[in-house]
Amino acid sequence: MQPQLKSKVRCADREIGEVSKVIMDPLSHEVSHLVVSMNGTGERQIPMGAVQTVADDLVQLRSSSSEVIGLPPFKRDDFVTLHEVEIPGLERHIHVTPGEVLVPFPELERNVKRRTFFANLTYVMGLFIGLPLVFPVMKFLMNPMYTPLDNRWLKIGNIGKMKLSDTGTQFQYRRMVKEAYLPEAEVEKNVWLIKATPVVLEKVCQGEDIEFLGDDGKVIWTNKKDIPYLAFSGKCPHLGCAYKWRKHKVLGQVFLCPCHLSIYDASGQVLDGPAPRPLDLLPIQVSASGEVQIIDMEFKAGTKSQTRIV
């Protein structure tokens, strides 16, 4: 007769508790151990070989109470319930009253907490199921990061608009822009041009041609040191505000950003204010008829070095 849960457990000298769980042998499909709740002093795992007799509501042990108390405490994490494993035909061999019926954890898994093991298993299964779904989404989200920078030339006007040397002249133009996942839209932008005198040109070029690089690090254009036309991005390098060409009562004609009062001279050099670097030069070419083209570039604001973002 197999023991029933809640049966009283008696040793050779006295009663010590009741059966709280039974452990099944997954190979023989029989009860291999009893787990006895020791009346408030923990649980002990007792082999069926130590059982003398089993009655309807009493399990008689051959051992004394001191021998049972001296056994190691029962380790619940070394076992799983029948609901957590699938062993064919095991349930047909259970003759105990329904309750917590356990089988031993496989040896290789005993160092892993029971709940941790099943939680990790669930995470791994979720990963394999979700990865095919997540990959296209991640590819879509990351695509803008790998979109090549646009190095097309844009026509912005004619130098006939520029009347004086070393004087800022604003050119406005429109272009189609696609930002990240938004639809492509037409935006209005501006750039400032200077017809530089030799002194201003020398401050900018310092006797050398100015090269502009593409994504691959190769030169896409060179502003020649003897061409007097300079083009500056319309955004202040401090925080990206729009600036103007204004007359300063002390410094004379300057580029002035009204947001935080950064001031630049005709060569784009910082005269005053929080700007971390000079105005950003752009590639420029001027045709024989005076038509001006630029490559529209934008750079990260607030940094000393230039990092192109558009």
C-alpha atoms as a PDB file:
ATOM      1  CA  MET A   1       0.000   0.000   0.000  1.00  0.00           C
ATOM      2  CA  GLN A   2       1.384   3.431  -0.897  1.00  0.00           C
ATOM      3  CA  PRO A   3       1.387   6.236   1.678  1.00  0.00           C
ATOM      4  CA  GLN A   4      -1.134   9.029   1.490  1.00  0.00           C
ATOM      5  CA  LEU A   5      -0.449  12.714   1.922  1.00  0.00           C
ATOM      6  CA  LYS A   6      -1.322  14.053   5.408  1.00  0.00           C
ATOM      7  CA  SER A   7      -0.819  10.594   6.918  1.00  0.00           C
ATOM      8  CA  LYS A   8       0.668  10.663  10.422  1.00  0.00           C
ATOM      9  CA  VAL A   9       4.278   9.467  10.665  1.00  0.00           C
ATOM     10  CA  ARG A  10       5.403   7.535  13.730  1.00  0.00           C
ATOM     11  CA  CYS A  11       8.923   6.429  14.644  1.00  0.00           C
ATOM     12  CA  ALA A  12       9.822   3.515  16.863  1.00  0.00           C
ATOM     13  CA  ASP A  13       9.568   5.756  19.942  1.00  0.00           C
ATOM     14  CA  ARG A  14       7.051   8.513  19.087  1.00  0.00           C
ATOM     15  CA  GLU A  15       5.038  10.369  16.456  1.00  0.00           C
ATOM     16  CA  ILE A  16       7.118  12.977  14.624  1.00  0.00           C
ATOM     17  CA  GLY A  17       4.878  14.625  12.022  1.00  0.00           C
ATOM     18  CA  GLU A  18       2.955  13.943   8.821  1.00  0.00           C
ATOM     19  CA  VAL A  19       3.584  13.207   5.137  1.00  0.00           C
ATOM     20  CA  SER A  20       3.730  16.537   3.247  1.00  0.00           C
ATOM     21  CA  LYS A  21       5.012  15.322  -0.128  1.00  0.00           C
ATOM     22  CA  VAL A  22       5.909  12.134  -1.941  1.00  0.00           C
ATOM     23  CA  ILE A  23       8.785  11.644  -4.376  1.00  0.00           C
ATOM     24  CA  MET A  24       8.355   9.378  -7.398  1.00  0.00           C
ATOM     25  CA  ASP A  25      11.133   7.447  -9.116  1.00  0.00           C
ATOM     26  CA  PRO A  26      10.788   8.402 -12.807  1.00  0.00           C
ATOM     27  CA  LEU A  27      12.218   5.024 -13.874  1.00  0.00           C
ATOM     28  CA  SER A  28      10.259   2.591 -11.685  1.00  0.00           C
ATOM     29  CA  HIS A  29       7.220   4.873 -11.478  1.00  0.00           C
ATOM     30  CA  GLU A  30       6.906   4.108  -7.767  1.00  0.00           C
ATOM     31  CA  VAL A  31       7.160   6.195  -4.615  1.00  0.00           C
ATOM     32  CA  SER A  32      10.837   6.296  -3.623  1.00  0.00           C
ATOM     33  CA  HIS A  33      10.778   8.714  -0.668  1.00  0.00           C
ATOM     34  CA  LEU A  34       8.450  10.429   1.746  1.00  0.00           C
ATOM     35  CA  VAL A  35       8.837  14.040   2.805  1.00  0.00           C
ATOM     36  CA  VAL A  36       7.837  14.399   6.444  1.00  0.00           C
ATOM     37  CA  SER A  37       6.861  17.725   7.988  1.00  0.00           C
ATOM     38  CA  MET A  38       8.450  17.601  11.449  1.00  0.00           C
ATOM     39  CA  ASN A  39       5.879  19.546  13.493  1.00  0.00           C
ATOM     40  CA  GLY A  40       7.485  22.947  12.948  1.00  0.00           C
ATOM     41  CA  THR A  41      11.151  21.870  12.754  1.00  0.00           C
ATOM     42  CA  GLY A  42      11.442  21.621   8.984  1.00  0.00           C
ATOM     43  CA  GLU A  43      11.070  18.701   6.585  1.00  0.00           C
ATOM     44  CA  ARG A  44      13.052  15.479   6.175  1.00  0.00           C
ATOM     45  CA  GLN A  45      13.329  13.186   3.170  1.00  0.00           C
ATOM     46  CA  ILE A  46      12.888   9.534   4.210  1.00  0.00           C
ATOM     47  CA  PRO A  47      13.475   6.585   1.859  1.00  0.00           C
ATOM     48  CA  MET A  48      10.736   4.000   1.518  1.00  0.00           C
ATOM     49  CA  GLY A  49      13.234   1.415   2.765  1.00  0.00           C
ATOM     50  CA  ALA A  50      12.914   2.985   6.223  1.00  0.00           C
ATOM     51  CA  VAL A  51       9.112   2.467   6.233  1.00  0.00           C
ATOM     52  CA  GLN A  52       7.931  -0.528   8.245  1.00  0.00           C
ATOM     53  CA  THR A  53       4.188  -0.430   7.559  1.00  0.00           C
ATOM     54  CA  VAL A  54       1.641   1.793   5.840  1.00  0.00           C
ATOM     55  CA  ALA A  55      -1.939   2.014   7.039  1.00  0.00           C
ATOM     56  CA  ASP A  56      -4.787   4.223   5.853  1.00  0.00           C
ATOM     57  CA  ASP A  57      -3.681   7.239   7.855  1.00  0.00           C
ATOM     58  CA  LEU A  58      -0.442   6.135   9.514  1.00  0.00           C
ATOM     59  CA  VAL A  59       3.111   5.488   8.320  1.00  0.00           C
ATOM     60  CA  GLN A  60       5.240   3.499  10.767  1.00  0.00           C
ATOM     61  CA  LEU A  61       9.037   3.926  10.496  1.00  0.00           C
ATOM     62  CA  ARG A  62      11.774   1.557  11.634  1.00  0.00           C
ATOM     63  CA  SER A  63      14.013   4.478  12.668  1.00  0.00           C
ATOM     64  CA  SER A  64      13.978   6.340  15.954  1.00  0.00           C
ATOM     65  CA  SER A  65      12.920   9.985  16.113  1.00  0.00           C
ATOM     66  CA  SER A  66      16.521  11.074  16.826  1.00  0.00           C
ATOM     67  CA  GLU A  67      17.734   9.293  13.671  1.00  0.00           C
ATOM     68  CA  VAL A  68      15.069  11.014  11.562  1.00  0.00           C
ATOM     69  CA  ILE A  69      15.816  14.435  13.069  1.00  0.00           C
ATOM     70  CA  GLY A  70      19.504  13.869  12.279  1.00  0.00           C
ATOM     71  CA  LEU A  71      18.779  13.526   8.546  1.00  0.00           C
ATOM     72  CA  PRO A  72      19.665  16.528   6.298  1.00  0.00           C
ATOM     73  CA  PRO A  73      16.818  19.015   5.726  1.00  0.00           C
ATOM     74  CA  PHE A  74      14.724  18.432   2.615  1.00  0.00           C
ATOM     75  CA  LYS A  75      15.897  20.554  -0.390  1.00  0.00           C
ATOM     76  CA  ARG A  76      12.822  21.552  -2.367  1.00  0.00           C
ATOM     77  CA  ASP A  77      14.842  23.075  -5.241  1.00  0.00           C
ATOM     78  CA  ASP A  78      16.236  19.610  -6.115  1.00  0.00           C
ATOM     79  CA  PHE A  79      12.807  18.525  -7.346  1.00  0.00           C
ATOM     80  CA  VAL A  80      10.053  19.501  -9.752  1.00  0.00           C
ATOM     81  CA  THR A  81       6.349  18.726  -9.666  1.00  0.00           C
ATOM     82  CA  LEU A  82       4.622  16.421 -12.095  1.00  0.00           C
ATOM     83  CA  HIS A  83       3.047  19.479 -13.683  1.00  0.00           C
ATOM     84  CA  GLU A  84       6.489  20.739 -14.727  1.00  0.00           C
ATOM     85  CA  VAL A  85       7.749  17.578 -16.450  1.00  0.00           C
ATOM     86  CA  GLU A  86       6.419  15.063 -18.913  1.00  0.00           C
ATOM     87  CA  ILE A  87       7.143  11.428 -18.056  1.00  0.00           C
ATOM     88  CA  PRO A  88       4.889   9.121 -20.093  1.00  0.00           C
ATOM     89  CA  GLY A  89       2.637   6.839 -18.053  1.00  0.00           C
ATOM     90  CA  LEU A  90       3.784   8.141 -14.663  1.00  0.00           C
ATOM     91  CA  GLU A  91       0.397   9.384 -13.561  1.00  0.00           C
ATOM     92  CA  ARG A  92      -1.154   5.920 -14.015  1.00  0.00           C
ATOM     93  CA  HIS A  93       1.198   4.596 -11.316  1.00  0.00           C
ATOM     94  CA  ILE A  94       0.363   7.190  -8.692  1.00  0.00           C
ATOM     95  CA  HIS A  95      -1.795   5.725  -5.962  1.00  0.00           C
ATOM     96  CA  VAL A  96      -1.481   8.556  -3.478  1.00  0.00           C
ATOM     97  CA  THR A  97      -4.094  11.139  -2.663  1.00  0.00           C
ATOM     98  CA  PRO A  98      -3.608  14.179  -4.967  1.00  0.00           C
ATOM     99  CA  GLY A  99      -1.163  16.710  -3.589  1.00  0.00           C
ATOM    100  CA  GLU A 100       2.404  17.764  -4.246  1.00  0.00           C
ATOM    101  CA  VAL A 101       4.011  14.829  -6.002  1.00  0.00           C
ATOM    102  CA  LEU A 102       7.655  15.383  -6.958  1.00  0.00           C
ATOM    103  CA  VAL A 103      10.303  13.851  -9.189  1.00  0.00           C
ATOM    104  CA  PRO A 104      14.063  14.559  -8.901  1.00  0.00           C
ATOM    105  CA  PHE A 105      15.680  17.282 -10.998  1.00  0.00           C
ATOM    106  CA  PRO A 106      18.215  15.894 -13.520  1.00  0.00           C
ATOM    107  CA  GLU A 107      21.717  16.012 -12.042  1.00  0.00           C
ATOM    108  CA  LEU A 108      23.030  18.554 -14.558  1.00  0.00           C
ATOM    109  CA  GLU A 109      20.308  21.007 -13.581  1.00  0.00           C
ATOM    110  CA  ARG A 110      20.551  20.775  -9.791  1.00  0.00           C
ATOM    111  CA  ASN A 111      22.925  23.710  -9.524  1.00  0.00           C
ATOM    112  CA  VAL A 112      20.293  25.960 -11.079  1.00  0.00           C
ATOM    113  CA  LYS A 113      17.405  27.185  -8.989  1.00  0.00           C
ATOM    114  CA  ARG A 114      14.150  25.590 -10.086  1.00  0.00           C
ATOM    115  CA  ARG A 115      12.359  28.808 -10.886  1.00  0.00           C
ATOM    116  CA  THR A 116      15.480  30.300 -12.448  1.00  0.00           C
ATOM    117  CA  PHE A 117      15.849  27.291 -14.716  1.00  0.00           C
ATOM    118  CA  PHE A 118      12.306  27.521 -16.047  1.00  0.00           C
ATOM    119  CA  ALA A 119      12.482  31.307 -16.301  1.00  0.00           C
ATOM    120  CA  ASN A 120      15.682  31.066 -18.363  1.00  0.00           C
ATOM    121  CA  LEU A 121      14.135  28.373 -20.515  1.00  0.00           C
ATOM    122  CA  THR A 122      11.158  30.629 -21.161  1.00  0.00           C
ATOM    123  CA  TYR A 123      13.448  33.521 -22.109  1.00  0.00           C
ATOM    124  CA  VAL A 124      15.400  31.357 -24.553  1.00  0.00           C
ATOM    125  CA  MET A 125      12.206  30.058 -26.169  1.00  0.00           C
ATOM    126  CA  GLY A 126      10.884  33.614 -26.411  1.00  0.00           C
ATOM    127  CA  LEU A 127      14.137  34.726 -28.043  1.00  0.00           C
ATOM    128  CA  PHE A 128      13.932  32.077 -30.752  1.00  0.00           C
ATOM    129  CA  ILE A 129      10.263  32.843 -31.368  1.00  0.00           C
ATOM    130  CA  GLY A 130      10.670  36.628 -31.305  1.00  0.00           C
ATOM    131  CA  LEU A 131      13.925  37.015 -33.221  1.00  0.00           C
ATOM    132  CA  PRO A 132      12.392  36.477 -36.688  1.00  0.00           C
ATOM    133  CA  LEU A 133       9.805  39.137 -35.812  1.00  0.00           C
ATOM    134  CA  VAL A 134      12.191  41.623 -34.216  1.00  0.00           C
ATOM    135  CA  PHE A 135      14.908  41.515 -36.895  1.00  0.00           C
ATOM    136  CA  PRO A 136      12.890  43.241 -39.662  1.00  0.00           C
ATOM    137  CA  VAL A 137      11.763  45.909 -37.190  1.00  0.00           C
ATOM    138  CA  MET A 138      15.331  46.562 -35.976  1.00  0.00           C
ATOM    139  CA  LYS A 139      16.551  46.689 -39.557  1.00  0.00           C
ATOM    140  CA  PHE A 140      13.911  49.296 -40.355  1.00  0.00           C
ATOM    141  CA  LEU A 141      14.717  51.379 -37.252  1.00  0.00           C
ATOM    142  CA  MET A 142      18.477  51.315 -37.846  1.00  0.00           C
ATOM    143  CA  ASN A 143      18.309  51.977 -41.578  1.00  0.00           C
ATOM    144  CA  PRO A 144      18.580  55.806 -41.261  1.00  0.00           C
ATOM    145  CA  MET A 145      21.888  55.363 -39.419  1.00  0.00           C
ATOM    146  CA  TYR A 146      23.407  53.806 -42.532  1.00  0.00           C
ATOM    147  CA  THR A 147      21.861  56.059 -45.186  1.00  0.00           C
ATOM    148  CA  PRO A 148      24.681  57.646 -47.239  1.00  0.00           C
ATOM    149  CA  LEU A 149      25.119  61.407 -46.893  1.00  0.00           C
ATOM    150  CA  ASP A 150      23.756  63.457 -49.788  1.00  0.00           C
ATOM    151  CA  ASN A 151      26.596  65.092 -51.733  1.00  0.00           C
ATOM    152  CA  ARG A 152      24.565  66.474 -54.614  1.00  0.00           C
ATOM    153  CA  TRP A 153      25.227  70.023 -55.821  1.00  0.00           C
ATOM    154  CA  LEU A 154      22.390  72.505 -55.282  1.00  0.00           C
ATOM    155  CA  LYS A 155      21.904  75.731 -57.216  1.00  0.00           C
ATOM    156  CA  ILE A 156      21.250  78.641 -54.860  1.00  0.00           C
ATOM    157  CA  GLY A 157      21.543  81.803 -56.975  1.00  0.00           C
ATOM    158  CA  ASN A 158      23.956  84.137 -58.742  1.00  0.00           C
ATOM    159  CA  ILE A 159      26.900  86.121 -57.368  1.00  0.00           C
ATOM    160  CA  GLY A 160      25.429  89.218 -58.985  1.00  0.00           C
ATOM    161  CA  LYS A 161      23.476  89.524 -55.739  1.00  0.00           C
ATOM    162  CA  MET A 162      26.723  90.196 -53.842  1.00  0.00           C
ATOM    163  CA  LYS A 163      27.584  93.910 -54.056  1.00  0.00           C
ATOM    164  CA  LEU A 164      30.413  94.389 -51.532  1.00  0.00           C
ATOM    165  CA  SER A 165      33.481  92.420 -50.480  1.00  0.00           C
ATOM    166  CA  ASP A 166      33.776  90.987 -46.969  1.00  0.00           C
ATOM    167  CA  THR A 167      30.037  91.424 -46.528  1.00  0.00           C
ATOM    168  CA  GLY A 168      27.675  88.621 -45.645  1.00  0.00           C
ATOM    169  CA  THR A 169      24.963  87.908 -48.207  1.00  0.00           C
ATOM    170  CA  GLN A 170      22.216  85.404 -47.475  1.00  0.00           C
ATOM    171  CA  PHE A 171      21.035  82.969 -50.131  1.00  0.00           C
ATOM    172  CA  GLN A 172      17.850  81.000 -49.543  1.00  0.00           C
ATOM    173  CA  TYR A 173      16.992  77.776 -51.310  1.00  0.00           C
ATOM    174  CA  ARG A 174      14.624  74.818 -51.094  1.00  0.00           C
ATOM    175  CA  ARG A 175      15.434  71.158 -51.124  1.00  0.00           C
ATOM    176  CA  MET A 176      13.752  67.814 -50.459  1.00  0.00           C
ATOM    177  CA  VAL A 177      14.726  66.318 -47.111  1.00  0.00           C
ATOM    178  CA  LYS A 178      13.894  62.940 -45.595  1.00  0.00           C
ATOM    179  CA  GLU A 179      14.516  62.729 -41.862  1.00  0.00           C
ATOM    180  CA  ALA A 180      14.636  59.248 -40.339  1.00  0.00           C
ATOM    181  CA  TYR A 181      11.196  57.616 -40.764  1.00  0.00           C
ATOM    182  CA  LEU A 182       9.250  60.734 -41.765  1.00  0.00           C
ATOM    183  CA  PRO A 183       8.012  61.195 -45.348  1.00  0.00           C
ATOM    184  CA  GLU A 184      10.212  63.243 -47.648  1.00  0.00           C
ATOM    185  CA  ALA A 185       9.324  66.927 -47.460  1.00  0.00           C
ATOM    186  CA  GLU A 186      10.507  70.186 -48.998  1.00  0.00           C
ATOM    187  CA  VAL A 187      12.229  72.526 -46.549  1.00  0.00           C
ATOM    188  CA  GLU A 188      13.578  76.066 -46.850  1.00  0.00           C
ATOM    189  CA  LYS A 189      17.205  76.559 -45.897  1.00  0.00           C
ATOM    190  CA  ASN A 190      19.753  79.343 -46.113  1.00  0.00           C
ATOM    191  CA  VAL A 191      23.472  79.819 -46.517  1.00  0.00           C
ATOM    192  CA  TRP A 192      25.702  82.869 -46.114  1.00  0.00           C
ATOM    193  CA  LEU A 193      28.205  83.826 -48.818  1.00  0.00           C
ATOM    194  CA  ILE A 194      31.199  86.146 -48.596  1.00  0.00           C
ATOM    195  CA  LYS A 195      33.194  87.613 -51.472  1.00  0.00           C
ATOM    196  CA  ALA A 196      36.452  87.589 -49.532  1.00  0.00           C
ATOM    197  CA  THR A 197      39.312  90.011 -49.830  1.00  0.00           C
ATOM    198  CA  PRO A 198      42.832  88.451 -49.795  1.00  0.00           C
ATOM    199  CA  VAL A 199      43.155  89.181 -46.068  1.00  0.00           C
ATOM    200  CA  VAL A 200      39.940  87.353 -45.168  1.00  0.00           C
ATOM    201  CA  LEU A 201      40.695  84.544 -47.609  1.00  0.00           C
ATOM    202  CA  GLU A 202      44.092  84.014 -45.990  1.00  0.00           C
ATOM    203  CA  LYS A 203      42.504  83.770 -42.505  1.00  0.00           C
ATOM    204  CA  VAL A 204      40.211  81.011 -43.776  1.00  0.00           C
ATOM    205  CA  CYS A 205      42.498  79.026 -46.061  1.00  0.00           C
ATOM    206  CA  GLN A 206      45.858  79.808 -44.410  1.00  0.00           C
ATOM    207  CA  GLY A 207      47.557  79.325 -47.756  1.00  0.00           C
ATOM    208  CA  GLU A 208      46.076  75.856 -48.433  1.00  0.00           C
ATOM    209  CA  ASP A 209      43.168  74.413 -50.369  1.00  0.00           C
ATOM    210  CA  ILE A 210      40.255  73.185 -48.218  1.00  0.00           C
ATOM    211  CA  GLU A 211      39.168  69.581 -48.799  1.00  0.00           C
ATOM    212  CA  PHE A 212      35.791  68.046 -48.002  1.00  0.00           C
ATOM    213  CA  LEU A 213      35.485  64.308 -47.376  1.00  0.00           C
ATOM    214  CA  GLY A 214      32.666  61.849 -48.037  1.00  0.00           C
ATOM    215  CA  ASP A 215      31.444  58.872 -45.972  1.00  0.00           C
ATOM    216  CA  ASP A 216      34.303  56.729 -47.242  1.00  0.00           C
ATOM    217  CA  GLY A 217      36.962  59.279 -46.289  1.00  0.00           C
ATOM    218  CA  LYS A 218      37.674  60.209 -49.899  1.00  0.00           C
ATOM    219  CA  VAL A 219      37.787  63.808 -51.106  1.00  0.00           C
ATOM    220  CA  ILE A 220      34.515  64.861 -52.760  1.00  0.00           C
ATOM    221  CA  TRP A 221      35.439  68.504 -53.393  1.00  0.00           C
ATOM    222  CA  THR A 222      38.202  71.037 -52.844  1.00  0.00           C
ATOM    223  CA  ASN A 223      37.663  74.757 -52.284  1.00  0.00           C
ATOM    224  CA  LYS A 224      40.681  76.366 -53.955  1.00  0.00           C
ATOM    225  CA  LYS A 225      42.642  78.864 -51.881  1.00  0.00           C
ATOM    226  CA  ASP A 226      42.605  81.478 -54.674  1.00  0.00           C
ATOM    227  CA  ILE A 227      38.826  81.429 -55.249  1.00  0.00           C
ATOM    228  CA  PRO A 228      37.438  84.386 -53.266  1.00  0.00           C
ATOM    229  CA  TYR A 229      33.960  83.028 -52.593  1.00  0.00           C
ATOM    230  CA  LEU A 230      33.177  81.455 -49.224  1.00  0.00           C
ATOM    231  CA  ALA A 231      29.969  79.686 -48.208  1.00  0.00           C
ATOM    232  CA  PHE A 232      28.986  79.220 -44.552  1.00  0.00           C
ATOM    233  CA  SER A 233      26.253  76.943 -43.208  1.00  0.00           C
ATOM    234  CA  GLY A 234      23.256  78.962 -42.026  1.00  0.00           C
ATOM    235  CA  LYS A 235      23.300  77.314 -38.575  1.00  0.00           C
ATOM    236  CA  CYS A 236      25.318  78.603 -35.644  1.00  0.00           C
ATOM    237  CA  PRO A 237      27.844  75.969 -34.425  1.00  0.00           C
ATOM    238  CA  HIS A 238      26.829  76.663 -30.820  1.00  0.00           C
ATOM    239  CA  LEU A 239      23.281  75.240 -30.764  1.00  0.00           C
ATOM    240  CA  GLY A 240      22.161  75.422 -34.397  1.00  0.00           C
ATOM    241  CA  CYS A 241      20.274  78.742 -34.330  1.00  0.00           C
ATOM    242  CA  ALA A 242      19.992  80.977 -37.380  1.00  0.00           C
ATOM    243  CA  TYR A 243      22.371  83.955 -37.319  1.00  0.00           C
ATOM    244  CA  LYS A 244      22.423  87.296 -39.144  1.00  0.00           C
ATOM    245  CA  TRP A 245      24.866  89.801 -40.660  1.00  0.00           C
ATOM    246  CA  ARG A 246      24.688  92.840 -38.389  1.00  0.00           C
ATOM    247  CA  LYS A 247      26.591  95.983 -37.482  1.00  0.00           C
ATOM    248  CA  HIS A 248      28.176  95.870 -34.033  1.00  0.00           C
ATOM    249  CA  LYS A 249      28.904  99.233 -32.386  1.00  0.00           C
ATOM    250  CA  VAL A 250      32.396  98.088 -31.372  1.00  0.00           C
ATOM    251  CA  LEU A 251      33.342  95.262 -33.759  1.00  0.00           C
ATOM    252  CA  GLY A 252      31.751  96.651 -36.914  1.00  0.00           C
ATOM    253  CA  GLN A 253      30.068  94.326 -39.442  1.00  0.00           C
ATOM    254  CA  VAL A 254      29.830  90.796 -38.011  1.00  0.00           C
ATOM    255  CA  PHE A 255      27.785  87.632 -38.052  1.00  0.00           C
ATOM    256  CA  LEU A 256      25.650  87.708 -34.883  1.00  0.00           C
ATOM    257  CA  CYS A 257      23.626  84.816 -33.438  1.00  0.00           C
ATOM    258  CA  PRO A 258      20.717  86.302 -31.428  1.00  0.00           C
ATOM    259  CA  CYS A 259      20.127  83.143 -29.373  1.00  0.00           C
ATOM    260  CA  HIS A 260      23.246  83.277 -27.183  1.00  0.00           C
ATOM    261  CA  LEU A 261      25.164  86.198 -28.723  1.00  0.00           C
ATOM    262  CA  SER A 262      27.938  84.326 -30.471  1.00  0.00           C
ATOM    263  CA  ILE A 263      29.776  86.732 -32.772  1.00  0.00           C
ATOM    264  CA  TYR A 264      31.872  85.861 -35.853  1.00  0.00           C
ATOM    265  CA  ASP A 265      33.898  87.985 -38.264  1.00  0.00           C
ATOM    266  CA  ALA A 266      33.719  87.823 -42.066  1.00  0.00           C
ATOM    267  CA  SER A 267      36.102  84.831 -42.088  1.00  0.00           C
ATOM    268  CA  GLY A 268      33.796  82.904 -39.726  1.00  0.00           C
ATOM    269  CA  GLN A 269      36.199  83.125 -36.767  1.00  0.00           C
ATOM    270  CA  VAL A 270      34.686  83.463 -33.284  1.00  0.00           C
ATOM    271  CA  LEU A 271      35.049  86.951 -31.835  1.00  0.00           C
ATOM    272  CA  ASP A 272      32.865  86.544 -28.756  1.00  0.00           C
ATOM    273  CA  GLY A 273      30.237  84.322 -27.170  1.00  0.00           C
ATOM    274  CA  PRO A 274      29.899  80.607 -26.364  1.00  0.00           C
ATOM    275  CA  ALA A 275      30.416  79.179 -29.875  1.00  0.00           C
ATOM    276  CA  PRO A 276      32.890  76.251 -29.680  1.00  0.00           C
ATOM    277  CA  ARG A 277      34.244  76.610 -33.230  1.00  0.00           C
ATOM    278  CA  PRO A 278      34.175  78.905 -36.302  1.00  0.00           C
ATOM    279  CA  LEU A 279      31.278  78.950 -38.752  1.00  0.00           C
ATOM    280  CA  ASP A 280      31.075  75.759 -40.826  1.00  0.00           C
ATOM    281  CA  LEU A 281      32.398  76.145 -44.369  1.00  0.00           C
ATOM    282  CA  LEU A 282      30.601  74.425 -47.242  1.00  0.00           C
ATOM    283  CA  PRO A 283      31.818  73.230 -50.661  1.00  0.00           C
ATOM    284  CA  ILE A 284      31.133  75.946 -53.250  1.00  0.00           C
ATOM    285  CA  GLN A 285      31.594  76.333 -56.966  1.00  0.00           C
ATOM    286  CA  VAL A 286      30.862  79.363 -59.131  1.00  0.00           C
ATOM    287  CA  SER A 287      30.329  79.062 -62.887  1.00  0.00           C
ATOM    288  CA  ALA A 288      31.593  81.497 -65.506  1.00  0.00           C
ATOM    289  CA  SER A 289      28.132  83.049 -65.618  1.00  0.00           C
ATOM    290  CA  GLY A 290      28.151  83.558 -61.857  1.00  0.00           C
ATOM    291  CA  GLU A 291      25.766  80.745 -60.910  1.00  0.00           C
ATOM    292  CA  VAL A 292      26.519  79.427 -57.418  1.00  0.00           C
ATOM    293  CA  GLN A 293      26.223  75.805 -56.338  1.00  0.00           C
ATOM    294  CA  ILE A 294      26.876  74.303 -52.922  1.00  0.00           C
ATOM    295  CA  ILE A 295      26.796  70.891 -51.282  1.00  0.00           C
ATOM    296  CA  ASP A 296      24.342  71.185 -48.418  1.00  0.00           C
ATOM    297  CA  MET A 297      26.038  70.009 -45.215  1.00  0.00           C
ATOM    298  CA  GLU A 298      25.071  70.242 -41.556  1.00  0.00           C
ATOM    299  CA  PHE A 299      27.319  69.519 -38.594  1.00  0.00           C
ATOM    300  CA  LYS A 300      26.682  68.547 -34.992  1.00  0.00           C
ATOM    301  CA  ALA A 301      26.274  71.652 -32.848  1.00  0.00           C
ATOM    302  CA  GLY A 302      28.014  72.298 -29.550  1.00  0.00           C
ATOM    303  CA  THR A 303      31.290  70.496 -30.291  1.00  0.00           C
ATOM    304  CA  LYS A 304      34.776  71.804 -31.018  1.00  0.00           C
ATOM    305  CA  SER A 305      35.328  69.382 -33.886  1.00  0.00           C
ATOM    306  CA  GLN A 306      33.106  69.020 -36.925  1.00  0.00           C
ATOM    307  CA  THR A 307      30.886  65.930 -37.123  1.00  0.00           C
ATOM    308  CA  ARG A 308      28.724  65.881 -40.216  1.00  0.00           C
ATOM    309  CA  ILE A 309      25.117  64.787 -39.679  1.00  0.00           C
ATOM    310  CA  VAL A 310      23.497  65.816 -43.003  1.00  0.00           C
END
